[in-house]
N, C-alpha and C. Protein backbone atom coordinates (compact mmCIF):
# COMPACT_ATOMS: atom_id res chain seq x y z
N MET A 1 33.96 -19.05 -134.78
CA MET A 1 34.01 -20.31 -134.13
C MET A 1 35.22 -20.32 -133.19
N THR A 2 35.01 -20.74 -131.95
CA THR A 2 36.07 -20.78 -130.94
C THR A 2 36.48 -22.23 -130.73
N VAL A 3 37.81 -22.43 -130.73
CA VAL A 3 38.33 -23.78 -130.52
C VAL A 3 39.10 -23.77 -129.20
N THR A 4 38.78 -24.69 -128.32
CA THR A 4 39.50 -24.80 -127.04
C THR A 4 40.37 -26.05 -127.07
N ASN A 5 41.44 -25.96 -126.36
CA ASN A 5 42.38 -27.09 -126.33
C ASN A 5 42.38 -27.69 -124.93
N GLN A 6 41.42 -28.51 -124.62
CA GLN A 6 41.27 -29.12 -123.31
C GLN A 6 42.42 -30.05 -122.94
N PRO A 7 42.92 -30.89 -123.82
CA PRO A 7 43.99 -31.80 -123.42
C PRO A 7 45.25 -31.08 -122.97
N ALA A 8 45.59 -29.95 -123.57
CA ALA A 8 46.80 -29.22 -123.18
C ALA A 8 46.63 -28.66 -121.77
N ALA A 9 45.47 -28.10 -121.45
CA ALA A 9 45.24 -27.55 -120.11
C ALA A 9 45.26 -28.68 -119.08
N SER A 10 44.70 -29.78 -119.38
CA SER A 10 44.69 -30.93 -118.47
C SER A 10 46.10 -31.46 -118.26
N SER A 11 46.90 -31.46 -119.31
CA SER A 11 48.28 -31.94 -119.21
C SER A 11 49.10 -31.03 -118.31
N ARG A 12 48.91 -29.70 -118.43
CA ARG A 12 49.63 -28.75 -117.58
C ARG A 12 49.22 -28.92 -116.13
N SER A 13 47.94 -29.15 -115.89
CA SER A 13 47.45 -29.34 -114.53
C SER A 13 48.03 -30.61 -113.92
N THR A 14 48.12 -31.66 -114.68
CA THR A 14 48.68 -32.92 -114.20
C THR A 14 50.16 -32.77 -113.88
N ARG A 15 50.90 -32.05 -114.74
CA ARG A 15 52.32 -31.81 -114.48
C ARG A 15 52.52 -30.98 -113.23
N GLY A 16 51.66 -29.99 -113.00
CA GLY A 16 51.74 -29.15 -111.80
C GLY A 16 51.52 -29.95 -110.53
N ILE A 17 50.52 -30.82 -110.56
CA ILE A 17 50.23 -31.67 -109.40
C ILE A 17 51.37 -32.65 -109.16
N ALA A 18 51.92 -33.21 -110.23
CA ALA A 18 53.03 -34.14 -110.10
C ALA A 18 54.25 -33.44 -109.51
N ALA A 19 54.50 -32.21 -109.91
CA ALA A 19 55.64 -31.46 -109.37
C ALA A 19 55.44 -31.17 -107.89
N LEU A 20 54.23 -30.83 -107.49
CA LEU A 20 53.93 -30.58 -106.08
C LEU A 20 54.08 -31.85 -105.26
N LEU A 21 53.60 -32.96 -105.78
CA LEU A 21 53.74 -34.24 -105.07
C LEU A 21 55.21 -34.63 -104.91
N LEU A 22 56.00 -34.42 -105.95
CA LEU A 22 57.42 -34.73 -105.88
C LEU A 22 58.12 -33.84 -104.86
N THR A 23 57.80 -32.56 -104.85
CA THR A 23 58.38 -31.62 -103.88
C THR A 23 58.02 -32.04 -102.46
N ASN A 24 56.77 -32.37 -102.23
CA ASN A 24 56.35 -32.81 -100.90
C ASN A 24 57.03 -34.10 -100.48
N ALA A 25 57.22 -35.02 -101.40
CA ALA A 25 57.91 -36.26 -101.08
C ALA A 25 59.36 -36.00 -100.69
N ILE A 26 60.03 -35.12 -101.41
CA ILE A 26 61.41 -34.77 -101.08
C ILE A 26 61.49 -34.11 -99.71
N LEU A 27 60.58 -33.19 -99.42
CA LEU A 27 60.56 -32.53 -98.11
C LEU A 27 60.28 -33.52 -96.99
N LEU A 28 59.39 -34.48 -97.24
CA LEU A 28 59.09 -35.49 -96.23
C LEU A 28 60.31 -36.37 -95.94
N VAL A 29 61.03 -36.76 -96.97
CA VAL A 29 62.25 -37.55 -96.78
C VAL A 29 63.29 -36.75 -96.01
N ALA A 30 63.44 -35.47 -96.33
CA ALA A 30 64.40 -34.62 -95.61
C ALA A 30 64.01 -34.49 -94.14
N LEU A 31 62.73 -34.33 -93.86
CA LEU A 31 62.25 -34.22 -92.48
C LEU A 31 62.50 -35.51 -91.70
N LEU A 32 62.16 -36.64 -92.29
CA LEU A 32 62.37 -37.93 -91.63
C LEU A 32 63.85 -38.21 -91.39
N THR A 33 64.70 -37.83 -92.34
CA THR A 33 66.13 -38.01 -92.17
C THR A 33 66.66 -37.17 -91.02
N THR A 34 66.18 -35.94 -90.92
CA THR A 34 66.60 -35.04 -89.84
C THR A 34 66.14 -35.57 -88.49
N LEU A 35 64.92 -36.05 -88.40
CA LEU A 35 64.39 -36.54 -87.14
C LEU A 35 65.05 -37.84 -86.71
N ALA A 36 65.49 -38.65 -87.66
CA ALA A 36 66.08 -39.93 -87.34
C ALA A 36 67.59 -39.86 -87.08
N ALA A 37 68.20 -38.69 -87.31
CA ALA A 37 69.65 -38.54 -87.13
C ALA A 37 70.01 -38.68 -85.66
N PRO A 38 71.11 -39.37 -85.36
CA PRO A 38 71.52 -39.54 -83.96
C PRO A 38 72.02 -38.23 -83.39
N SER A 39 71.88 -38.08 -82.07
CA SER A 39 72.41 -36.88 -81.42
C SER A 39 73.91 -37.04 -81.27
N VAL A 40 74.61 -35.92 -81.20
CA VAL A 40 76.06 -35.94 -81.14
C VAL A 40 76.50 -35.39 -79.79
N GLN A 41 77.44 -36.08 -79.15
CA GLN A 41 78.03 -35.61 -77.90
C GLN A 41 79.53 -35.62 -78.06
N ALA A 42 80.17 -34.60 -77.54
CA ALA A 42 81.63 -34.53 -77.60
C ALA A 42 82.18 -34.99 -76.26
N GLN A 43 82.83 -36.13 -76.23
CA GLN A 43 83.41 -36.64 -75.00
C GLN A 43 84.77 -37.25 -75.30
N LEU A 44 85.71 -36.98 -74.38
CA LEU A 44 87.05 -37.54 -74.52
C LEU A 44 87.09 -38.97 -74.05
N SER A 45 86.45 -39.23 -72.91
CA SER A 45 86.38 -40.59 -72.37
C SER A 45 85.14 -40.69 -71.50
N GLY A 46 84.90 -41.85 -70.94
CA GLY A 46 83.73 -42.05 -70.10
C GLY A 46 83.79 -41.25 -68.81
N ARG A 47 84.98 -40.89 -68.34
CA ARG A 47 85.13 -40.16 -67.08
C ARG A 47 84.98 -38.65 -67.27
N SER A 48 85.20 -38.13 -68.45
CA SER A 48 85.15 -36.69 -68.70
C SER A 48 83.91 -36.35 -69.50
N SER A 49 83.41 -35.16 -69.25
CA SER A 49 82.23 -34.71 -69.97
C SER A 49 82.48 -33.31 -70.49
N PHE A 50 82.43 -33.15 -71.79
CA PHE A 50 82.74 -31.88 -72.42
C PHE A 50 81.52 -31.31 -73.14
N LEU A 51 81.42 -29.98 -73.11
CA LEU A 51 80.44 -29.27 -73.91
C LEU A 51 81.22 -28.35 -74.82
N MET A 52 81.00 -28.44 -76.12
CA MET A 52 81.73 -27.62 -77.08
C MET A 52 80.76 -26.76 -77.87
N VAL A 53 81.09 -25.48 -78.00
CA VAL A 53 80.25 -24.55 -78.75
C VAL A 53 81.14 -23.81 -79.73
N ALA A 54 80.77 -23.82 -81.00
CA ALA A 54 81.53 -23.13 -82.03
C ALA A 54 80.87 -21.79 -82.33
N GLY A 55 81.69 -20.80 -82.69
CA GLY A 55 81.16 -19.49 -83.04
C GLY A 55 82.25 -18.56 -83.53
N GLU A 56 81.85 -17.35 -83.86
CA GLU A 56 82.78 -16.34 -84.35
C GLU A 56 83.03 -15.31 -83.26
N GLY A 57 84.22 -14.72 -83.30
CA GLY A 57 84.53 -13.63 -82.39
C GLY A 57 83.92 -12.32 -82.87
N GLU A 58 83.81 -11.35 -81.98
CA GLU A 58 83.21 -10.07 -82.34
C GLU A 58 84.06 -9.30 -83.36
N ARG A 59 85.37 -9.26 -83.14
CA ARG A 59 86.24 -8.44 -83.98
C ARG A 59 87.13 -9.28 -84.90
N SER A 60 86.78 -10.49 -85.10
CA SER A 60 87.64 -11.36 -85.89
C SER A 60 86.80 -12.19 -86.85
N SER A 61 87.41 -12.51 -87.97
CA SER A 61 86.69 -13.35 -88.94
C SER A 61 87.01 -14.83 -88.74
N THR A 62 87.79 -15.15 -87.70
CA THR A 62 88.13 -16.55 -87.44
C THR A 62 87.05 -17.22 -86.61
N ASN A 63 87.02 -18.51 -86.65
CA ASN A 63 86.07 -19.29 -85.88
C ASN A 63 86.73 -19.78 -84.59
N PHE A 64 85.98 -19.72 -83.51
CA PHE A 64 86.46 -20.16 -82.21
C PHE A 64 85.65 -21.35 -81.74
N VAL A 65 86.19 -22.08 -80.76
CA VAL A 65 85.46 -23.16 -80.10
C VAL A 65 85.64 -22.95 -78.60
N TRP A 66 84.51 -22.84 -77.90
CA TRP A 66 84.53 -22.77 -76.44
C TRP A 66 84.31 -24.19 -75.94
N ILE A 67 85.20 -24.66 -75.06
CA ILE A 67 85.12 -26.02 -74.53
C ILE A 67 84.97 -25.93 -73.02
N LEU A 68 83.89 -26.49 -72.49
CA LEU A 68 83.65 -26.52 -71.05
C LEU A 68 83.75 -27.95 -70.58
N GLU A 69 84.67 -28.19 -69.64
CA GLU A 69 84.78 -29.50 -69.01
C GLU A 69 83.91 -29.42 -67.76
N SER A 70 82.78 -30.10 -67.79
CA SER A 70 81.75 -29.88 -66.77
C SER A 70 82.09 -30.47 -65.40
N ARG A 71 83.01 -31.40 -65.32
CA ARG A 71 83.33 -31.99 -64.02
C ARG A 71 84.10 -31.03 -63.12
N ASN A 72 85.02 -30.26 -63.68
CA ASN A 72 85.78 -29.33 -62.85
C ASN A 72 85.57 -27.86 -63.21
N GLY A 73 84.71 -27.57 -64.17
CA GLY A 73 84.35 -26.20 -64.50
C GLY A 73 85.39 -25.43 -65.29
N GLU A 74 86.27 -26.09 -65.99
CA GLU A 74 87.29 -25.43 -66.79
C GLU A 74 86.68 -25.00 -68.14
N LEU A 75 86.85 -23.73 -68.50
CA LEU A 75 86.38 -23.21 -69.78
C LEU A 75 87.58 -22.73 -70.56
N VAL A 76 87.73 -23.22 -71.79
CA VAL A 76 88.87 -22.86 -72.63
C VAL A 76 88.34 -22.37 -73.97
N LEU A 77 88.93 -21.29 -74.47
CA LEU A 77 88.62 -20.77 -75.80
C LEU A 77 89.77 -21.16 -76.71
N VAL A 78 89.49 -21.86 -77.79
CA VAL A 78 90.54 -22.29 -78.71
C VAL A 78 90.27 -21.75 -80.11
N ASP A 79 91.35 -21.64 -80.88
CA ASP A 79 91.29 -21.13 -82.24
C ASP A 79 92.19 -22.01 -83.11
N TRP A 80 91.94 -22.02 -84.39
CA TRP A 80 92.80 -22.76 -85.32
C TRP A 80 94.12 -22.04 -85.46
N THR A 81 95.21 -22.79 -85.61
CA THR A 81 96.51 -22.18 -85.88
C THR A 81 96.49 -21.59 -87.28
N THR A 82 97.43 -20.70 -87.56
CA THR A 82 97.42 -20.01 -88.86
C THR A 82 97.57 -20.97 -90.02
N GLY A 83 98.30 -22.05 -89.83
CA GLY A 83 98.46 -23.03 -90.90
C GLY A 83 97.28 -23.99 -91.00
N GLY A 84 96.34 -23.92 -90.06
CA GLY A 84 95.19 -24.81 -90.07
C GLY A 84 95.54 -26.24 -89.71
N GLN A 85 96.66 -26.43 -89.03
CA GLN A 85 97.09 -27.79 -88.72
C GLN A 85 96.78 -28.20 -87.29
N GLY A 86 96.12 -27.38 -86.54
CA GLY A 86 95.80 -27.72 -85.16
C GLY A 86 95.09 -26.56 -84.48
N MET A 87 94.94 -26.70 -83.18
CA MET A 87 94.25 -25.67 -82.42
C MET A 87 95.16 -25.17 -81.32
N LYS A 88 94.96 -23.90 -80.93
CA LYS A 88 95.72 -23.33 -79.83
C LYS A 88 94.76 -22.68 -78.85
N ALA A 89 95.10 -22.76 -77.57
CA ALA A 89 94.27 -22.15 -76.53
C ALA A 89 94.52 -20.64 -76.53
N ILE A 90 93.45 -19.87 -76.51
CA ILE A 90 93.55 -18.42 -76.48
C ILE A 90 93.30 -17.90 -75.06
N SER A 91 92.31 -18.48 -74.41
CA SER A 91 91.93 -18.01 -73.09
C SER A 91 91.47 -19.18 -72.24
N HIS A 92 91.59 -19.00 -70.91
CA HIS A 92 91.21 -20.06 -69.98
C HIS A 92 90.51 -19.42 -68.79
N ARG A 93 89.50 -20.09 -68.28
CA ARG A 93 88.78 -19.59 -67.10
C ARG A 93 88.24 -20.77 -66.32
N ASN A 94 88.31 -20.66 -64.99
CA ASN A 94 87.74 -21.70 -64.15
C ASN A 94 86.36 -21.22 -63.69
N VAL A 95 85.33 -21.69 -64.34
CA VAL A 95 83.96 -21.27 -64.07
C VAL A 95 83.53 -21.75 -62.68
N GLN A 96 83.99 -22.91 -62.27
CA GLN A 96 83.64 -23.45 -60.96
C GLN A 96 84.10 -22.50 -59.85
N GLN A 97 85.31 -21.97 -59.96
CA GLN A 97 85.80 -21.01 -58.97
C GLN A 97 84.99 -19.73 -58.99
N ASP A 98 84.58 -19.28 -60.18
CA ASP A 98 83.75 -18.08 -60.28
C ASP A 98 82.41 -18.28 -59.57
N ILE A 99 81.82 -19.43 -59.74
CA ILE A 99 80.53 -19.73 -59.10
C ILE A 99 80.70 -19.78 -57.59
N GLU A 100 81.76 -20.43 -57.13
CA GLU A 100 82.00 -20.50 -55.69
C GLU A 100 82.25 -19.11 -55.09
N LYS A 101 82.94 -18.26 -55.82
CA LYS A 101 83.20 -16.89 -55.36
C LYS A 101 81.90 -16.10 -55.25
N ILE A 102 81.03 -16.25 -56.20
CA ILE A 102 79.74 -15.55 -56.18
C ILE A 102 78.91 -16.04 -54.99
N LEU A 103 78.91 -17.34 -54.77
CA LEU A 103 78.12 -17.90 -53.66
C LEU A 103 78.66 -17.45 -52.31
N ARG A 104 79.97 -17.27 -52.17
CA ARG A 104 80.56 -16.81 -50.91
C ARG A 104 80.21 -15.36 -50.61
N THR A 105 80.06 -14.54 -51.65
CA THR A 105 79.78 -13.12 -51.44
C THR A 105 78.31 -12.83 -51.17
N ARG A 106 77.46 -13.79 -51.28
CA ARG A 106 76.02 -13.58 -51.03
C ARG A 106 75.70 -13.60 -49.59
């Protein structure tokens, strides 16, 4: 005589579906939160417009920030000070002058 346990199998199936529904609900909330998040702009004042990009250097484990002031084409590379209490400029370039130089040589 074979005895089957139908309620246990049904209970496992219900728990599996409930877990999937809960996972999907969490993912949906995360997606909606991401889509509803405001965009971020880095600006010093209404007259200046800055673009900032963070990244790592090729030969260094430190993090850098490239800051482009779009009105006059100034590009600055900054790094954190060793004590972590501020930032210091490492390199500077005037991108606007570079573009004008390229256009003159054409």
